[in-house]
């Protein structure tokens, strides 16, 4: 059940990133992508679309791996390795973000706090789900 939730959460975040591509600067600003990304989007630059599309692709693959491990879709290759790496990335990103609050690199401190909490929660859900299915992988 935890991996179904994990896959769903990654898919939702991928969809929100797609919203940034389609709805532009206002969405980039709302979700804290930084003023530079918002301005580039307003100027019609392809850079925000390319960067955000890469994030969407990664999140979709992560969602598929969680669904695969949960038995919802076919078994994907390198399941254990992929899920361990996905879990670690979420957890490390979650922890590292708290260290960037005082030096936000073009983003707001609120962005780092909220996104870090979200990544930590996602990582914990992945970790619990991974532990539940480890023997079957």
C-alpha atoms as a PDB file:
ATOM      1  CA  UNK A   1       0.000   0.000   0.000  1.00  0.00           C
ATOM      2  CA  UNK A   2       2.818   2.439   0.803  1.00  0.00           C
ATOM      3  CA  UNK A   3       4.355   2.052  -2.651  1.00  0.00           C
ATOM      4  CA  UNK A   4       0.989   2.732  -4.276  1.00  0.00           C
ATOM      5  CA  UNK A   5       0.817   5.959  -2.273  1.00  0.00           C
ATOM      6  CA  UNK A   6       4.454   6.723  -3.171  1.00  0.00           C
ATOM      7  CA  UNK A   7       3.795   6.219  -6.876  1.00  0.00           C
ATOM      8  CA  UNK A   8       0.671   8.327  -6.732  1.00  0.00           C
ATOM      9  CA  UNK A   9       2.466  11.152  -4.934  1.00  0.00           C
ATOM     10  CA  UNK A  10       5.280  11.201  -7.497  1.00  0.00           C
ATOM     11  CA  UNK A  11       2.694  11.229 -10.298  1.00  0.00           C
ATOM     12  CA  UNK A  12       0.831  14.139  -8.688  1.00  0.00           C
ATOM     13  CA  UNK A  13       4.034  16.146  -8.362  1.00  0.00           C
ATOM     14  CA  UNK A  14       4.869  15.351 -11.996  1.00  0.00           C
ATOM     15  CA  UNK A  15       1.443  16.684 -13.000  1.00  0.00           C
ATOM     16  CA  UNK A  16       2.015  19.866 -10.974  1.00  0.00           C
ATOM     17  CA  UNK A  17       5.311  20.369 -12.793  1.00  0.00           C
ATOM     18  CA  UNK A  18       3.449  19.959 -16.090  1.00  0.00           C
ATOM     19  CA  UNK A  19       1.124  22.688 -14.842  1.00  0.00           C
ATOM     20  CA  UNK A  20       4.139  24.978 -14.525  1.00  0.00           C
ATOM     21  CA  UNK A  21       4.996  24.336 -18.159  1.00  0.00           C
ATOM     22  CA  UNK A  22       1.455  24.941 -19.394  1.00  0.00           C
ATOM     23  CA  UNK A  23       0.423  27.788 -17.090  1.00  0.00           C
ATOM     24  CA  UNK A  24       3.746  29.586 -17.060  1.00  0.00           C
ATOM     25  CA  UNK A  25       5.284  32.183 -14.827  1.00  0.00           C
ATOM     26  CA  UNK A  26       2.468  32.407 -12.283  1.00  0.00           C
ATOM     27  CA  UNK A  27       2.799  28.697 -11.520  1.00  0.00           C
ATOM     28  CA  UNK A  28       6.594  28.846 -11.375  1.00  0.00           C
ATOM     29  CA  UNK A  29       6.283  31.692  -8.862  1.00  0.00           C
ATOM     30  CA  UNK A  30       3.558  30.004  -6.817  1.00  0.00           C
ATOM     31  CA  UNK A  31       5.520  26.775  -6.473  1.00  0.00           C
ATOM     32  CA  UNK A  32       8.740  28.619  -5.639  1.00  0.00           C
ATOM     33  CA  UNK A  33      10.829  27.818  -8.695  1.00  0.00           C
ATOM     34  CA  UNK A  34      12.459  31.208  -8.393  1.00  0.00           C
ATOM     35  CA  UNK A  35      12.003  34.538 -10.058  1.00  0.00           C
ATOM     36  CA  UNK A  36      14.577  33.744 -12.742  1.00  0.00           C
ATOM     37  CA  UNK A  37      12.556  30.734 -13.958  1.00  0.00           C
ATOM     38  CA  UNK A  38       9.361  32.800 -13.896  1.00  0.00           C
ATOM     39  CA  UNK A  39      10.936  35.626 -15.881  1.00  0.00           C
ATOM     40  CA  UNK A  40      12.395  33.194 -18.413  1.00  0.00           C
ATOM     41  CA  UNK A  41       8.942  31.641 -18.816  1.00  0.00           C
ATOM     42  CA  UNK A  42       7.423  35.107 -19.347  1.00  0.00           C
ATOM     43  CA  UNK A  43      10.052  35.842 -21.993  1.00  0.00           C
ATOM     44  CA  UNK A  44       9.184  32.663 -23.874  1.00  0.00           C
ATOM     45  CA  UNK A  45      12.517  30.985 -23.173  1.00  0.00           C
ATOM     46  CA  UNK A  46      12.609  27.231 -23.675  1.00  0.00           C
ATOM     47  CA  UNK A  47      14.911  26.758 -20.659  1.00  0.00           C
ATOM     48  CA  UNK A  48      12.151  26.469 -18.005  1.00  0.00           C
ATOM     49  CA  UNK A  49      10.268  24.003 -20.215  1.00  0.00           C
ATOM     50  CA  UNK A  50      13.355  21.856 -20.785  1.00  0.00           C
ATOM     51  CA  UNK A  51      14.340  21.816 -17.103  1.00  0.00           C
ATOM     52  CA  UNK A  52      10.797  21.172 -15.910  1.00  0.00           C
ATOM     53  CA  UNK A  53      10.247  18.465 -18.551  1.00  0.00           C
ATOM     54  CA  UNK A  54      13.320  16.667 -17.236  1.00  0.00           C
ATOM     55  CA  UNK A  55      11.886  16.783 -13.725  1.00  0.00           C
ATOM     56  CA  UNK A  56       8.531  15.483 -15.025  1.00  0.00           C
ATOM     57  CA  UNK A  57      10.260  12.590 -16.786  1.00  0.00           C
ATOM     58  CA  UNK A  58      12.224  11.606 -13.672  1.00  0.00           C
ATOM     59  CA  UNK A  59       9.141  11.782 -11.446  1.00  0.00           C
ATOM     60  CA  UNK A  60       7.135   9.670 -13.906  1.00  0.00           C
ATOM     61  CA  UNK A  61       9.839   6.998 -13.969  1.00  0.00           C
ATOM     62  CA  UNK A  62       9.950   7.029 -10.163  1.00  0.00           C
ATOM     63  CA  UNK A  63       6.183   6.655 -10.074  1.00  0.00           C
ATOM     64  CA  UNK A  64       6.358   3.693 -12.445  1.00  0.00           C
ATOM     65  CA  UNK A  65       8.977   1.973 -10.281  1.00  0.00           C
ATOM     66  CA  UNK A  66       6.833   2.383  -7.178  1.00  0.00           C
ATOM     67  CA  UNK A  67       3.799   1.002  -9.018  1.00  0.00           C
ATOM     68  CA  UNK A  68       5.870  -1.856 -10.397  1.00  0.00           C
ATOM     69  CA  UNK A  69       7.151  -2.826  -6.953  1.00  0.00           C
ATOM     70  CA  UNK A  70       3.581  -2.660  -5.661  1.00  0.00           C
ATOM     71  CA  UNK A  71       2.562  -5.177  -8.346  1.00  0.00           C
ATOM     72  CA  UNK A  72       0.272  -2.813 -10.238  1.00  0.00           C
ATOM     73  CA  UNK A  73       2.278  -2.827 -13.474  1.00  0.00           C
ATOM     74  CA  UNK A  74       4.848  -5.153 -15.007  1.00  0.00           C
ATOM     75  CA  UNK A  75       8.137  -5.729 -13.253  1.00  0.00           C
ATOM     76  CA  UNK A  76      10.732  -3.172 -14.302  1.00  0.00           C
ATOM     77  CA  UNK A  77      14.473  -3.897 -14.538  1.00  0.00           C
ATOM     78  CA  UNK A  78      16.853  -3.217 -11.648  1.00  0.00           C
ATOM     79  CA  UNK A  79      13.932  -2.879  -9.255  1.00  0.00           C
ATOM     80  CA  UNK A  80      15.868  -3.033  -5.979  1.00  0.00           C
ATOM     81  CA  UNK A  81      18.598  -0.676  -7.108  1.00  0.00           C
ATOM     82  CA  UNK A  82      16.137   1.813  -8.573  1.00  0.00           C
ATOM     83  CA  UNK A  83      13.933   1.886  -5.490  1.00  0.00           C
ATOM     84  CA  UNK A  84      16.881   2.232  -3.131  1.00  0.00           C
ATOM     85  CA  UNK A  85      18.220   5.143  -5.190  1.00  0.00           C
ATOM     86  CA  UNK A  86      14.809   6.819  -5.461  1.00  0.00           C
ATOM     87  CA  UNK A  87      14.302   6.510  -1.708  1.00  0.00           C
ATOM     88  CA  UNK A  88      17.785   7.851  -0.967  1.00  0.00           C
ATOM     89  CA  UNK A  89      17.365  10.779  -3.352  1.00  0.00           C
ATOM     90  CA  UNK A  90      14.077  11.802  -1.733  1.00  0.00           C
ATOM     91  CA  UNK A  91      15.569  11.505   1.761  1.00  0.00           C
ATOM     92  CA  UNK A  92      18.836  13.286   0.941  1.00  0.00           C
ATOM     93  CA  UNK A  93      17.006  16.060  -0.926  1.00  0.00           C
ATOM     94  CA  UNK A  94      14.674  16.442   2.010  1.00  0.00           C
ATOM     95  CA  UNK A  95      17.489  16.786   4.516  1.00  0.00           C
ATOM     96  CA  UNK A  96      19.770  18.901   2.313  1.00  0.00           C
ATOM     97  CA  UNK A  97      17.056  21.440   1.609  1.00  0.00           C
ATOM     98  CA  UNK A  98      16.932  22.492   5.241  1.00  0.00           C
ATOM     99  CA  UNK A  99      20.569  23.570   4.966  1.00  0.00           C
ATOM    100  CA  UNK A 100      19.673  25.863   2.060  1.00  0.00           C
ATOM    101  CA  UNK A 101      17.084  27.905   3.941  1.00  0.00           C
ATOM    102  CA  UNK A 102      19.678  30.489   4.999  1.00  0.00           C
ATOM    103  CA  UNK A 103      21.231  30.591   1.498  1.00  0.00           C
ATOM    104  CA  UNK A 104      18.236  30.006  -0.780  1.00  0.00           C
ATOM    105  CA  UNK A 105      19.963  30.373  -4.188  1.00  0.00           C
ATOM    106  CA  UNK A 106      17.189  32.357  -5.872  1.00  0.00           C
ATOM    107  CA  UNK A 107      14.353  30.597  -4.118  1.00  0.00           C
ATOM    108  CA  UNK A 108      12.507  31.582  -0.991  1.00  0.00           C
ATOM    109  CA  UNK A 109      13.297  30.024   2.383  1.00  0.00           C
ATOM    110  CA  UNK A 110       9.664  28.867   2.439  1.00  0.00           C
ATOM    111  CA  UNK A 111      10.301  26.923  -0.776  1.00  0.00           C
ATOM    112  CA  UNK A 112      13.193  25.036   0.835  1.00  0.00           C
ATOM    113  CA  UNK A 113      11.234  24.303   4.014  1.00  0.00           C
ATOM    114  CA  UNK A 114       8.094  23.080   2.252  1.00  0.00           C
ATOM    115  CA  UNK A 115       9.828  21.160  -0.513  1.00  0.00           C
ATOM    116  CA  UNK A 116      12.193  19.562   1.998  1.00  0.00           C
ATOM    117  CA  UNK A 117       9.319  18.419   4.201  1.00  0.00           C
ATOM    118  CA  UNK A 118       7.538  17.015   1.150  1.00  0.00           C
ATOM    119  CA  UNK A 119      10.659  15.165  -0.022  1.00  0.00           C
ATOM    120  CA  UNK A 120      11.247  13.753   3.467  1.00  0.00           C
ATOM    121  CA  UNK A 121       7.669  12.514   3.662  1.00  0.00           C
ATOM    122  CA  UNK A 122       7.947  10.966   0.186  1.00  0.00           C
ATOM    123  CA  UNK A 123      11.244   9.354   1.157  1.00  0.00           C
ATOM    124  CA  UNK A 124       9.803   7.894   4.351  1.00  0.00           C
ATOM    125  CA  UNK A 125       6.786   6.522   2.473  1.00  0.00           C
ATOM    126  CA  UNK A 126       9.128   4.954  -0.092  1.00  0.00           C
ATOM    127  CA  UNK A 127      11.310   3.524   2.667  1.00  0.00           C
ATOM    128  CA  UNK A 128       8.377   1.908   4.459  1.00  0.00           C
ATOM    129  CA  UNK A 129       7.009   0.549   1.176  1.00  0.00           C
ATOM    130  CA  UNK A 130      10.413  -0.739   0.136  1.00  0.00           C
ATOM    131  CA  UNK A 131      10.835  -2.495   3.450  1.00  0.00           C
ATOM    132  CA  UNK A 132       7.415  -4.138   3.034  1.00  0.00           C
ATOM    133  CA  UNK A 133       8.195  -5.615  -0.394  1.00  0.00           C
ATOM    134  CA  UNK A 134      11.960  -6.136  -0.177  1.00  0.00           C
ATOM    135  CA  UNK A 135      11.767  -9.931   0.100  1.00  0.00           C
ATOM    136  CA  UNK A 136       9.556 -10.130  -3.016  1.00  0.00           C
ATOM    137  CA  UNK A 137      11.807  -7.983  -5.208  1.00  0.00           C
END
